[in-house]
Amino acid sequence: MSASVLALLLALPSALGGQQGDDPSAVVEPLETVEKLWGDGTFTEGGAAAADGSILFSDIGDRIMRFHPDTGETTVFREPSHRANGMIFDAKGRLIVAEGANTGGGRRISITSPDGECRTLADRFEGKRFNSPNDVTVDRKGRVYFSDPRYVGEERRELEFEGVFRVDPDGRIAKLETTATKPNGLTLSPDGKTLYVADNGPERRALIAVDLDEKGNASNPRVIHDFKADAGIDGMTMTTDGRVVAATPRGVAVFAPDGHRLALIPTPEAAANVEFGGDDHRTLYILAGSSIYRIPTNMTGFHVSPK
């Protein structure tokens, strides 16, 4: 363990007021720290575990990168990426990407088949262009859920709100009521019955849980963790036992399904997104700052994709 990482570990409980759930040993082995894999990005985001074991991630400078665990190399997967942000593989092995706003941004949800064909899945709601799709998650029935805030970009806004949407397999798009005013990260419980939404803006920083019925309709949105003046959540992922693993400026926070914080994994740079990979899905990849990191955990990541 480096001196700087040790200092960070010792300082965090004090900086956070000694809150319950600061101890990383609840989810990683004692003295285990994050390993830096690559650090030449502009701002890393997204994160999607591919069937071959590689990890795709966004470099917001307008490219999608691929980290190869077998070789340790990081290479360009797609450039330009149309401002790719959050991404995930669905149960058919297709890459679903939230493409944001700003110069060159697609302002859409794109879908890339295993043969490389890329097309638009959704780019409008009731005829109006999306603000800046940010994060995306999928369920076993092929439904796609995504957040659509606007953090950057000078393009004219056509929607008067920043919302969460569902795209059904037949292409129909529905707006979901989550109470989030600036929704960011999204993740689904393994049973598909709960959608977790990060509300991360000036009005509120909170983790919201929303009930979903068999058709993916939302009800009973509720705040399960209020960050108040503390930093909120960016991207999120899920474990097989229903824990929410979330990227925050202070590190990777792990929450119980009811919103109680269980652990905090310190990161050298502010974490933006997370994804589980490895043969056993127990390696946590962290997109933070200009870099990608990883750390072995005692958690098992949940994926709908056939890996």
C-alpha atoms as a PDB file:
ATOM      1  CA  MET A   1       0.000   0.000   0.000  1.00  0.00           C
ATOM      2  CA  SER A   2       1.396   3.391  -0.950  1.00  0.00           C
ATOM      3  CA  ALA A   3       1.705   6.157   1.630  1.00  0.00           C
ATOM      4  CA  SER A   4      -0.789   8.309  -0.266  1.00  0.00           C
ATOM      5  CA  VAL A   5      -3.443   5.591  -0.345  1.00  0.00           C
ATOM      6  CA  LEU A   6      -2.877   4.810   3.333  1.00  0.00           C
ATOM      7  CA  ALA A   7      -3.300   8.490   4.182  1.00  0.00           C
ATOM      8  CA  LEU A   8      -6.532   8.580   2.206  1.00  0.00           C
ATOM      9  CA  LEU A   9      -7.858   5.535   4.030  1.00  0.00           C
ATOM     10  CA  LEU A  10      -7.052   7.069   7.398  1.00  0.00           C
ATOM     11  CA  ALA A  11      -8.449  10.491   6.535  1.00  0.00           C
ATOM     12  CA  LEU A  12     -11.770   9.486   4.994  1.00  0.00           C
ATOM     13  CA  PRO A  13     -13.650   8.489   8.173  1.00  0.00           C
ATOM     14  CA  SER A  14     -12.777  11.857   9.725  1.00  0.00           C
ATOM     15  CA  ALA A  15     -13.689  13.777   6.574  1.00  0.00           C
ATOM     16  CA  LEU A  16     -17.051  12.053   6.428  1.00  0.00           C
ATOM     17  CA  GLY A  17     -17.731  12.484  10.102  1.00  0.00           C
ATOM     18  CA  GLY A  18     -17.051   8.853  10.976  1.00  0.00           C
ATOM     19  CA  GLN A  19     -20.292   7.697   9.392  1.00  0.00           C
ATOM     20  CA  GLN A  20     -21.312   4.075   9.520  1.00  0.00           C
ATOM     21  CA  GLY A  21     -20.332   2.262   6.343  1.00  0.00           C
ATOM     22  CA  ASP A  22     -16.915   3.861   5.806  1.00  0.00           C
ATOM     23  CA  ASP A  23     -14.960   0.607   6.297  1.00  0.00           C
ATOM     24  CA  PRO A  24     -13.987  -0.961   2.916  1.00  0.00           C
ATOM     25  CA  SER A  25     -13.187  -4.310   4.587  1.00  0.00           C
ATOM     26  CA  ALA A  26     -16.895  -5.157   4.414  1.00  0.00           C
ATOM     27  CA  VAL A  27     -16.492  -5.735   0.660  1.00  0.00           C
ATOM     28  CA  VAL A  28     -12.744  -6.116  -0.011  1.00  0.00           C
ATOM     29  CA  GLU A  29      -9.962  -7.941   1.789  1.00  0.00           C
ATOM     30  CA  PRO A  30      -8.029  -5.912   4.398  1.00  0.00           C
ATOM     31  CA  LEU A  31      -5.229  -3.796   2.891  1.00  0.00           C
ATOM     32  CA  GLU A  32      -6.510  -4.447  -0.662  1.00  0.00           C
ATOM     33  CA  THR A  33      -6.337  -1.245  -2.713  1.00  0.00           C
ATOM     34  CA  VAL A  34      -7.279  -0.194  -6.212  1.00  0.00           C
ATOM     35  CA  GLU A  35      -4.885  -0.888  -9.088  1.00  0.00           C
ATOM     36  CA  LYS A  36      -4.464   1.700 -11.838  1.00  0.00           C
ATOM     37  CA  LEU A  37      -4.690   0.096 -15.283  1.00  0.00           C
ATOM     38  CA  TRP A  38      -4.619   3.102 -17.633  1.00  0.00           C
ATOM     39  CA  GLY A  39      -4.616   6.864 -17.169  1.00  0.00           C
ATOM     40  CA  ASP A  40      -4.483   8.607 -20.525  1.00  0.00           C
ATOM     41  CA  GLY A  41      -8.131   9.599 -20.856  1.00  0.00           C
ATOM     42  CA  THR A  42      -9.912  12.925 -20.798  1.00  0.00           C
ATOM     43  CA  PHE A  43     -12.712  11.843 -18.471  1.00  0.00           C
ATOM     44  CA  THR A  44     -13.586   8.165 -18.129  1.00  0.00           C
ATOM     45  CA  GLU A  45     -17.171   6.961 -17.735  1.00  0.00           C
ATOM     46  CA  GLY A  46     -19.496   4.102 -18.615  1.00  0.00           C
ATOM     47  CA  GLY A  47     -18.183   0.580 -18.211  1.00  0.00           C
ATOM     48  CA  ALA A  48     -19.535  -2.617 -19.786  1.00  0.00           C
ATOM     49  CA  ALA A  49     -18.217  -6.171 -19.430  1.00  0.00           C
ATOM     50  CA  ALA A  50     -18.010  -7.872 -22.843  1.00  0.00           C
ATOM     51  CA  ALA A  51     -18.444 -11.599 -23.486  1.00  0.00           C
ATOM     52  CA  ASP A  52     -14.705 -12.011 -24.169  1.00  0.00           C
ATOM     53  CA  GLY A  53     -13.822 -10.685 -20.717  1.00  0.00           C
ATOM     54  CA  SER A  54     -12.730  -7.239 -21.865  1.00  0.00           C
ATOM     55  CA  ILE A  55     -14.145  -4.052 -20.382  1.00  0.00           C
ATOM     56  CA  LEU A  56     -15.482  -1.303 -22.618  1.00  0.00           C
ATOM     57  CA  PHE A  57     -15.622   2.204 -21.202  1.00  0.00           C
ATOM     58  CA  SER A  58     -16.233   5.746 -22.375  1.00  0.00           C
ATOM     59  CA  ASP A  59     -13.598   8.426 -22.619  1.00  0.00           C
ATOM     60  CA  ILE A  60     -15.828  11.504 -22.737  1.00  0.00           C
ATOM     61  CA  GLY A  61     -13.291  13.110 -25.073  1.00  0.00           C
ATOM     62  CA  ASP A  62     -15.388  11.249 -27.721  1.00  0.00           C
ATOM     63  CA  ARG A  63     -14.182   7.667 -27.909  1.00  0.00           C
ATOM     64  CA  ILE A  64     -14.991   4.253 -26.479  1.00  0.00           C
ATOM     65  CA  MET A  65     -12.011   2.319 -25.140  1.00  0.00           C
ATOM     66  CA  ARG A  66     -11.477  -1.386 -24.478  1.00  0.00           C
ATOM     67  CA  PHE A  67      -9.312  -2.778 -21.671  1.00  0.00           C
ATOM     68  CA  HIS A  68      -8.057  -6.321 -22.300  1.00  0.00           C
ATOM     69  CA  PRO A  69      -7.370  -8.127 -18.973  1.00  0.00           C
ATOM     70  CA  ASP A  70      -5.385 -10.881 -20.721  1.00  0.00           C
ATOM     71  CA  THR A  71      -2.862  -8.479 -22.220  1.00  0.00           C
ATOM     72  CA  GLY A  72      -3.227  -5.448 -19.974  1.00  0.00           C
ATOM     73  CA  GLU A  73      -3.630  -3.267 -23.058  1.00  0.00           C
ATOM     74  CA  THR A  74      -6.151  -0.470 -23.524  1.00  0.00           C
ATOM     75  CA  THR A  75      -7.137   0.194 -27.130  1.00  0.00           C
ATOM     76  CA  VAL A  76      -9.682   2.293 -29.012  1.00  0.00           C
ATOM     77  CA  PHE A  77     -12.943   0.442 -29.648  1.00  0.00           C
ATOM     78  CA  ARG A  78     -14.841   3.252 -31.390  1.00  0.00           C
ATOM     79  CA  GLU A  79     -13.932   6.800 -32.376  1.00  0.00           C
ATOM     80  CA  PRO A  80     -15.812   9.047 -32.544  1.00  0.00           C
ATOM     81  CA  SER A  81     -18.239   7.716 -29.977  1.00  0.00           C
ATOM     82  CA  HIS A  82     -20.821  10.515 -30.370  1.00  0.00           C
ATOM     83  CA  ARG A  83     -20.138  11.458 -26.738  1.00  0.00           C
ATOM     84  CA  ALA A  84     -20.805   7.993 -25.350  1.00  0.00           C
ATOM     85  CA  ASN A  85     -21.426   7.944 -21.607  1.00  0.00           C
ATOM     86  CA  GLY A  86     -23.116   5.037 -19.813  1.00  0.00           C
ATOM     87  CA  MET A  87     -23.246   1.666 -21.569  1.00  0.00           C
ATOM     88  CA  ILE A  88     -24.287  -1.921 -20.975  1.00  0.00           C
ATOM     89  CA  PHE A  89     -24.635  -5.235 -22.815  1.00  0.00           C
ATOM     90  CA  ASP A  90     -28.111  -6.729 -23.038  1.00  0.00           C
ATOM     91  CA  ALA A  91     -29.088 -10.412 -22.881  1.00  0.00           C
ATOM     92  CA  LYS A  92     -28.462 -10.773 -26.640  1.00  0.00           C
ATOM     93  CA  GLY A  93     -24.934  -9.433 -26.388  1.00  0.00           C
ATOM     94  CA  ARG A  94     -25.808  -6.086 -27.954  1.00  0.00           C
ATOM     95  CA  LEU A  95     -24.075  -2.949 -26.714  1.00  0.00           C
ATOM     96  CA  ILE A  96     -26.521  -0.280 -25.544  1.00  0.00           C
ATOM     97  CA  VAL A  97     -24.958   3.188 -25.261  1.00  0.00           C
ATOM     98  CA  ALA A  98     -26.223   6.501 -23.888  1.00  0.00           C
ATOM     99  CA  GLU A  99     -24.820   9.146 -26.219  1.00  0.00           C
ATOM    100  CA  GLY A 100     -24.825  12.643 -24.747  1.00  0.00           C
ATOM    101  CA  ALA A 101     -24.895  16.228 -25.946  1.00  0.00           C
ATOM    102  CA  ASN A 102     -22.073  18.668 -26.722  1.00  0.00           C
ATOM    103  CA  THR A 103     -20.117  18.900 -29.998  1.00  0.00           C
ATOM    104  CA  GLY A 104     -20.539  15.663 -31.928  1.00  0.00           C
ATOM    105  CA  GLY A 105     -22.963  14.208 -29.406  1.00  0.00           C
ATOM    106  CA  GLY A 106     -25.635  11.825 -30.665  1.00  0.00           C
ATOM    107  CA  ARG A 107     -28.268  12.734 -28.037  1.00  0.00           C
ATOM    108  CA  ARG A 108     -29.638   9.242 -28.433  1.00  0.00           C
ATOM    109  CA  ILE A 109     -29.584   5.647 -27.218  1.00  0.00           C
ATOM    110  CA  SER A 110     -27.670   3.574 -29.731  1.00  0.00           C
ATOM    111  CA  ILE A 111     -27.576  -0.202 -30.072  1.00  0.00           C
ATOM    112  CA  THR A 112     -24.699  -2.147 -31.617  1.00  0.00           C
ATOM    113  CA  SER A 113     -25.220  -5.777 -32.603  1.00  0.00           C
ATOM    114  CA  PRO A 114     -22.465  -8.385 -32.152  1.00  0.00           C
ATOM    115  CA  ASP A 115     -21.627  -8.065 -35.869  1.00  0.00           C
ATOM    116  CA  GLY A 116     -20.827  -4.374 -35.368  1.00  0.00           C
ATOM    117  CA  GLU A 117     -23.920  -2.792 -36.911  1.00  0.00           C
ATOM    118  CA  CYS A 118     -24.855   0.349 -34.964  1.00  0.00           C
ATOM    119  CA  ARG A 119     -28.272   2.000 -35.148  1.00  0.00           C
ATOM    120  CA  THR A 120     -30.460   4.413 -33.206  1.00  0.00           C
ATOM    121  CA  LEU A 121     -32.716   2.795 -30.626  1.00  0.00           C
ATOM    122  CA  ALA A 122     -34.288   6.066 -29.420  1.00  0.00           C
ATOM    123  CA  ASP A 123     -33.541   9.757 -29.899  1.00  0.00           C
ATOM    124  CA  ARG A 124     -36.881  11.509 -29.270  1.00  0.00           C
ATOM    125  CA  PHE A 125     -39.791  11.566 -26.886  1.00  0.00           C
ATOM    126  CA  GLU A 126     -43.074  12.731 -28.385  1.00  0.00           C
ATOM    127  CA  GLY A 127     -41.142  14.210 -31.298  1.00  0.00           C
ATOM    128  CA  LYS A 128     -38.654  16.172 -29.163  1.00  0.00           C
ATOM    129  CA  ARG A 129     -34.922  15.454 -29.016  1.00  0.00           C
ATOM    130  CA  PHE A 130     -33.525  14.124 -25.771  1.00  0.00           C
ATOM    131  CA  ASN A 131     -31.410  16.452 -23.622  1.00  0.00           C
ATOM    132  CA  SER A 132     -28.277  14.343 -23.158  1.00  0.00           C
ATOM    133  CA  PRO A 133     -28.731  10.617 -22.412  1.00  0.00           C
ATOM    134  CA  ASN A 134     -26.426   9.849 -19.514  1.00  0.00           C
ATOM    135  CA  ASP A 135     -26.761   6.303 -18.198  1.00  0.00           C
ATOM    136  CA  VAL A 136     -28.534   3.122 -19.232  1.00  0.00           C
ATOM    137  CA  THR A 137     -29.597  -0.248 -17.843  1.00  0.00           C
ATOM    138  CA  VAL A 138     -31.534  -3.211 -19.239  1.00  0.00           C
ATOM    139  CA  ASP A 139     -33.767  -5.989 -17.954  1.00  0.00           C
ATOM    140  CA  ARG A 140     -34.140  -9.633 -18.947  1.00  0.00           C
ATOM    141  CA  LYS A 141     -37.173  -8.864 -21.119  1.00  0.00           C
ATOM    142  CA  GLY A 142     -35.205  -6.556 -23.386  1.00  0.00           C
ATOM    143  CA  ARG A 143     -36.491  -3.279 -21.960  1.00  0.00           C
ATOM    144  CA  VAL A 144     -34.018  -0.404 -21.814  1.00  0.00           C
ATOM    145  CA  TYR A 145     -34.109   2.246 -19.082  1.00  0.00           C
ATOM    146  CA  PHE A 146     -32.089   5.454 -19.347  1.00  0.00           C
ATOM    147  CA  SER A 147     -31.608   8.849 -17.731  1.00  0.00           C
ATOM    148  CA  ASP A 148     -31.699  12.091 -19.697  1.00  0.00           C
ATOM    149  CA  PRO A 149     -30.331  15.100 -17.780  1.00  0.00           C
ATOM    150  CA  ARG A 150     -28.347  17.979 -19.240  1.00  0.00           C
ATOM    151  CA  TYR A 151     -25.009  18.787 -17.643  1.00  0.00           C
ATOM    152  CA  VAL A 152     -23.086  20.073 -20.670  1.00  0.00           C
ATOM    153  CA  GLY A 153     -23.812  21.082 -24.251  1.00  0.00           C
ATOM    154  CA  GLU A 154     -25.038  24.271 -25.893  1.00  0.00           C
ATOM    155  CA  GLU A 155     -27.589  22.599 -28.172  1.00  0.00           C
ATOM    156  CA  ARG A 156     -31.113  23.943 -27.965  1.00  0.00           C
ATOM    157  CA  ARG A 157     -33.186  22.019 -25.459  1.00  0.00           C
ATOM    158  CA  GLU A 158     -36.469  20.647 -26.731  1.00  0.00           C
ATOM    159  CA  LEU A 159     -37.699  18.891 -23.573  1.00  0.00           C
ATOM    160  CA  GLU A 160     -38.733  21.036 -20.628  1.00  0.00           C
ATOM    161  CA  PHE A 161     -37.743  18.402 -18.068  1.00  0.00           C
ATOM    162  CA  GLU A 162     -34.890  16.016 -17.301  1.00  0.00           C
ATOM    163  CA  GLY A 163     -36.317  12.548 -16.926  1.00  0.00           C
ATOM    164  CA  VAL A 164     -36.015   8.775 -16.887  1.00  0.00           C
ATOM    165  CA  PHE A 165     -37.362   6.782 -19.823  1.00  0.00           C
ATOM    166  CA  ARG A 166     -38.120   3.176 -20.772  1.00  0.00           C
ATOM    167  CA  VAL A 167     -37.769   1.809 -24.295  1.00  0.00           C
ATOM    168  CA  ASP A 168     -39.811  -1.341 -24.900  1.00  0.00           C
ATOM    169  CA  PRO A 169     -38.741  -4.091 -27.329  1.00  0.00           C
ATOM    170  CA  ASP A 170     -41.313  -2.824 -29.839  1.00  0.00           C
ATOM    171  CA  GLY A 171     -39.710   0.645 -29.782  1.00  0.00           C
ATOM    172  CA  ARG A 172     -42.334   2.430 -27.710  1.00  0.00           C
ATOM    173  CA  ILE A 173     -40.916   5.006 -25.291  1.00  0.00           C
ATOM    174  CA  ALA A 174     -42.438   5.813 -21.902  1.00  0.00           C
ATOM    175  CA  LYS A 175     -41.490   8.478 -19.364  1.00  0.00           C
ATOM    176  CA  LEU A 176     -41.210   7.105 -15.828  1.00  0.00           C
ATOM    177  CA  GLU A 177     -42.100   9.106 -12.742  1.00  0.00           C
ATOM    178  CA  THR A 178     -39.149   8.866 -10.350  1.00  0.00           C
ATOM    179  CA  THR A 179     -39.240  12.351  -8.708  1.00  0.00           C
ATOM    180  CA  ALA A 180     -35.609  12.891  -9.821  1.00  0.00           C
ATOM    181  CA  THR A 181     -35.049  16.394 -11.185  1.00  0.00           C
ATOM    182  CA  LYS A 182     -31.563  15.647 -12.565  1.00  0.00           C
ATOM    183  CA  PRO A 183     -31.339  11.854 -12.915  1.00  0.00           C
ATOM    184  CA  ASN A 184     -27.886  10.386 -13.421  1.00  0.00           C
ATOM    185  CA  GLY A 185     -26.879   6.763 -12.762  1.00  0.00           C
ATOM    186  CA  LEU A 186     -29.326   3.869 -13.074  1.00  0.00           C
ATOM    187  CA  THR A 187     -29.313   0.214 -12.094  1.00  0.00           C
ATOM    188  CA  LEU A 188     -31.884  -2.582 -11.745  1.00  0.00           C
ATOM    189  CA  SER A 189     -32.298  -5.152  -8.990  1.00  0.00           C
ATOM    190  CA  PRO A 190     -31.628  -8.762 -10.098  1.00  0.00           C
ATOM    191  CA  ASP A 191     -35.346  -9.605 -10.001  1.00  0.00           C
ATOM    192  CA  GLY A 192     -36.145  -6.572 -12.158  1.00  0.00           C
ATOM    193  CA  LYS A 193     -38.652  -5.249  -9.638  1.00  0.00           C
ATOM    194  CA  THR A 194     -36.724  -2.194  -8.416  1.00  0.00           C
ATOM    195  CA  LEU A 195     -35.104   0.577 -10.430  1.00  0.00           C
ATOM    196  CA  TYR A 196     -32.497   2.612  -8.571  1.00  0.00           C
ATOM    197  CA  VAL A 197     -31.951   6.189  -9.749  1.00  0.00           C
ATOM    198  CA  ALA A 198     -29.298   8.684  -8.684  1.00  0.00           C
ATOM    199  CA  ASP A 199     -30.690  12.216  -8.424  1.00  0.00           C
ATOM    200  CA  ASN A 200     -27.556  14.325  -8.658  1.00  0.00           C
ATOM    201  CA  GLY A 201     -28.076  18.043  -9.126  1.00  0.00           C
ATOM    202  CA  PRO A 202     -28.202  21.329  -7.225  1.00  0.00           C
ATOM    203  CA  GLU A 203     -31.731  20.698  -5.933  1.00  0.00           C
ATOM    204  CA  ARG A 204     -31.121  17.267  -4.420  1.00  0.00           C
ATOM    205  CA  ARG A 205     -28.483  14.551  -4.146  1.00  0.00           C
ATOM    206  CA  ALA A 206     -30.214  11.282  -3.309  1.00  0.00           C
ATOM    207  CA  LEU A 207     -30.556   7.595  -4.133  1.00  0.00           C
ATOM    208  CA  ILE A 208     -34.111   6.795  -5.216  1.00  0.00           C
ATOM    209  CA  ALA A 209     -35.786   3.379  -5.397  1.00  0.00           C
ATOM    210  CA  VAL A 210     -38.754   2.885  -7.736  1.00  0.00           C
ATOM    211  CA  ASP A 211     -41.021  -0.162  -7.923  1.00  0.00           C
ATOM    212  CA  LEU A 212     -41.525  -1.743 -11.352  1.00  0.00           C
ATOM    213  CA  ASP A 213     -44.403  -4.012 -12.347  1.00  0.00           C
ATOM    214  CA  GLU A 214     -44.322  -6.831 -14.908  1.00  0.00           C
ATOM    215  CA  LYS A 215     -44.633  -4.337 -17.763  1.00  0.00           C
ATOM    216  CA  GLY A 216     -41.890  -2.052 -16.466  1.00  0.00           C
ATOM    217  CA  ASN A 217     -44.283   0.615 -15.235  1.00  0.00           C
ATOM    218  CA  ALA A 218     -43.000   2.666 -12.295  1.00  0.00           C
ATOM    219  CA  SER A 219     -44.654   3.389  -8.948  1.00  0.00           C
ATOM    220  CA  ASN A 220     -43.816   4.287  -5.359  1.00  0.00           C
ATOM    221  CA  PRO A 221     -40.668   6.359  -5.956  1.00  0.00           C
ATOM    222  CA  ARG A 222     -38.923   6.982  -2.638  1.00  0.00           C
ATOM    223  CA  VAL A 223     -35.638   8.389  -1.374  1.00  0.00           C
ATOM    224  CA  ILE A 224     -33.696   5.631   0.370  1.00  0.00           C
ATOM    225  CA  HIS A 225     -30.508   7.612   0.940  1.00  0.00           C
ATOM    226  CA  ASP A 226     -30.287  11.393   1.175  1.00  0.00           C
ATOM    227  CA  PHE A 227     -26.766  12.733   0.746  1.00  0.00           C
ATOM    228  CA  LYS A 228     -27.834  16.220   1.870  1.00  0.00           C
ATOM    229  CA  ALA A 229     -24.732  18.433   1.561  1.00  0.00           C
ATOM    230  CA  ASP A 230     -22.447  15.512   0.731  1.00  0.00           C
ATOM    231  CA  ALA A 231     -21.489  14.500  -2.809  1.00  0.00           C
ATOM    232  CA  GLY A 232     -24.002  12.312  -4.610  1.00  0.00           C
ATOM    233  CA  ILE A 233     -23.884   9.328  -6.960  1.00  0.00           C
ATOM    234  CA  ASP A 234     -22.773   9.268 -10.580  1.00  0.00           C
ATOM    235  CA  GLY A 235     -22.875   5.762 -12.154  1.00  0.00           C
ATOM    236  CA  MET A 236     -24.022   2.544 -10.468  1.00  0.00           C
ATOM    237  CA  THR A 237     -24.050  -1.227 -10.843  1.00  0.00           C
ATOM    238  CA  MET A 238     -25.630  -4.138  -8.995  1.00  0.00           C
ATOM    239  CA  THR A 239     -24.562  -7.298  -7.156  1.00  0.00           C
ATOM    240  CA  THR A 240     -26.315 -10.653  -7.390  1.00  0.00           C
ATOM    241  CA  ASP A 241     -27.607 -10.245  -3.825  1.00  0.00           C
ATOM    242  CA  GLY A 242     -29.126  -6.827  -4.512  1.00  0.00           C
ATOM    243  CA  ARG A 243     -26.502  -4.431  -3.210  1.00  0.00           C
ATOM    244  CA  VAL A 244     -26.070  -1.138  -5.058  1.00  0.00           C
ATOM    245  CA  VAL A 245     -22.456  -0.305  -5.910  1.00  0.00           C
ATOM    246  CA  ALA A 246     -22.152   3.392  -6.691  1.00  0.00           C
ATOM    247  CA  ALA A 247     -19.469   5.788  -7.901  1.00  0.00           C
ATOM    248  CA  THR A 248     -19.089   9.020  -5.919  1.00  0.00           C
ATOM    249  CA  PRO A 249     -16.418  11.727  -5.748  1.00  0.00           C
ATOM    250  CA  ARG A 250     -15.274  10.218  -2.423  1.00  0.00           C
ATOM    251  CA  GLY A 251     -14.908   6.672  -3.779  1.00  0.00           C
ATOM    252  CA  VAL A 252     -17.124   3.660  -4.439  1.00  0.00           C
ATOM    253  CA  ALA A 253     -19.996   3.385  -1.965  1.00  0.00           C
ATOM    254  CA  VAL A 254     -21.901   0.142  -1.395  1.00  0.00           C
ATOM    255  CA  PHE A 255     -25.525   0.311  -0.276  1.00  0.00           C
ATOM    256  CA  ALA A 256     -27.987  -2.267   1.004  1.00  0.00           C
ATOM    257  CA  PRO A 257     -31.287  -2.497  -0.929  1.00  0.00           C
ATOM    258  CA  ASP A 258     -32.876  -0.245   1.689  1.00  0.00           C
ATOM    259  CA  GLY A 259     -30.276   2.499   1.156  1.00  0.00           C
ATOM    260  CA  HIS A 260     -28.109   1.872   4.218  1.00  0.00           C
ATOM    261  CA  ARG A 261     -24.476   2.453   3.326  1.00  0.00           C
ATOM    262  CA  LEU A 262     -22.379  -0.642   3.994  1.00  0.00           C
ATOM    263  CA  ALA A 263     -18.894   0.297   2.813  1.00  0.00           C
ATOM    264  CA  LEU A 264     -16.764   2.871   1.028  1.00  0.00           C
ATOM    265  CA  ILE A 265     -13.815   1.936  -1.204  1.00  0.00           C
ATOM    266  CA  PRO A 266     -11.440   4.914  -1.497  1.00  0.00           C
ATOM    267  CA  THR A 267     -10.266   5.856  -4.994  1.00  0.00           C
ATOM    268  CA  PRO A 268      -7.325   8.116  -5.943  1.00  0.00           C
ATOM    269  CA  GLU A 269      -9.560  10.097  -8.336  1.00  0.00           C
ATOM    270  CA  ALA A 270     -13.245  10.940  -8.127  1.00  0.00           C
ATOM    271  CA  ALA A 271     -15.165   7.845  -9.255  1.00  0.00           C
ATOM    272  CA  ALA A 272     -17.615   8.310 -12.136  1.00  0.00           C
ATOM    273  CA  ASN A 273     -18.814   4.756 -12.862  1.00  0.00           C
ATOM    274  CA  VAL A 274     -18.296   1.120 -11.977  1.00  0.00           C
ATOM    275  CA  GLU A 275     -18.654  -2.332 -13.556  1.00  0.00           C
ATOM    276  CA  PHE A 276     -17.992  -5.902 -12.430  1.00  0.00           C
ATOM    277  CA  GLY A 277     -15.835  -8.128 -14.613  1.00  0.00           C
ATOM    278  CA  GLY A 278     -13.579 -11.164 -14.482  1.00  0.00           C
ATOM    279  CA  ASP A 279     -14.480 -14.827 -14.896  1.00  0.00           C
ATOM    280  CA  ASP A 280     -16.299 -14.850 -11.554  1.00  0.00           C
ATOM    281  CA  HIS A 281     -17.684 -11.273 -11.873  1.00  0.00           C
ATOM    282  CA  ARG A 282     -15.998 -10.344  -8.589  1.00  0.00           C
ATOM    283  CA  THR A 283     -13.466  -7.845  -9.931  1.00  0.00           C
ATOM    284  CA  LEU A 284     -14.725  -4.278  -9.705  1.00  0.00           C
ATOM    285  CA  TYR A 285     -13.594  -1.935 -12.465  1.00  0.00           C
ATOM    286  CA  ILE A 286     -13.752   1.752 -11.571  1.00  0.00           C
ATOM    287  CA  LEU A 287     -13.815   4.632 -14.040  1.00  0.00           C
ATOM    288  CA  ALA A 288     -12.399   7.662 -12.259  1.00  0.00           C
ATOM    289  CA  GLY A 289     -10.892  10.924 -13.414  1.00  0.00           C
ATOM    290  CA  SER A 290      -8.818  10.204 -16.511  1.00  0.00           C
ATOM    291  CA  SER A 291      -8.244   6.565 -15.562  1.00  0.00           C
ATOM    292  CA  ILE A 292      -9.537   3.034 -15.169  1.00  0.00           C
ATOM    293  CA  TYR A 293      -8.849   1.075 -11.987  1.00  0.00           C
ATOM    294  CA  ARG A 294      -9.742  -2.346 -10.623  1.00  0.00           C
ATOM    295  CA  ILE A 295      -9.931  -4.082  -7.276  1.00  0.00           C
ATOM    296  CA  PRO A 296     -10.847  -7.664  -6.313  1.00  0.00           C
ATOM    297  CA  THR A 297     -13.904  -7.844  -4.059  1.00  0.00           C
ATOM    298  CA  ASN A 298     -15.999 -10.380  -2.163  1.00  0.00           C
ATOM    299  CA  MET A 299     -19.068  -9.182  -4.089  1.00  0.00           C
ATOM    300  CA  THR A 300     -20.443 -10.790  -7.263  1.00  0.00           C
ATOM    301  CA  GLY A 301     -21.690  -8.520  -9.995  1.00  0.00           C
ATOM    302  CA  PHE A 302     -25.077  -9.060 -11.613  1.00  0.00           C
ATOM    303  CA  HIS A 303     -25.287  -9.110 -15.428  1.00  0.00           C
ATOM    304  CA  VAL A 304     -28.148  -9.881 -17.797  1.00  0.00           C
ATOM    305  CA  SER A 305     -25.737 -10.454 -20.678  1.00  0.00           C
ATOM    306  CA  PRO A 306     -24.762 -14.027 -21.642  1.00  0.00           C
ATOM    307  CA  LYS A 307     -21.187 -14.174 -20.339  1.00  0.00           C
END
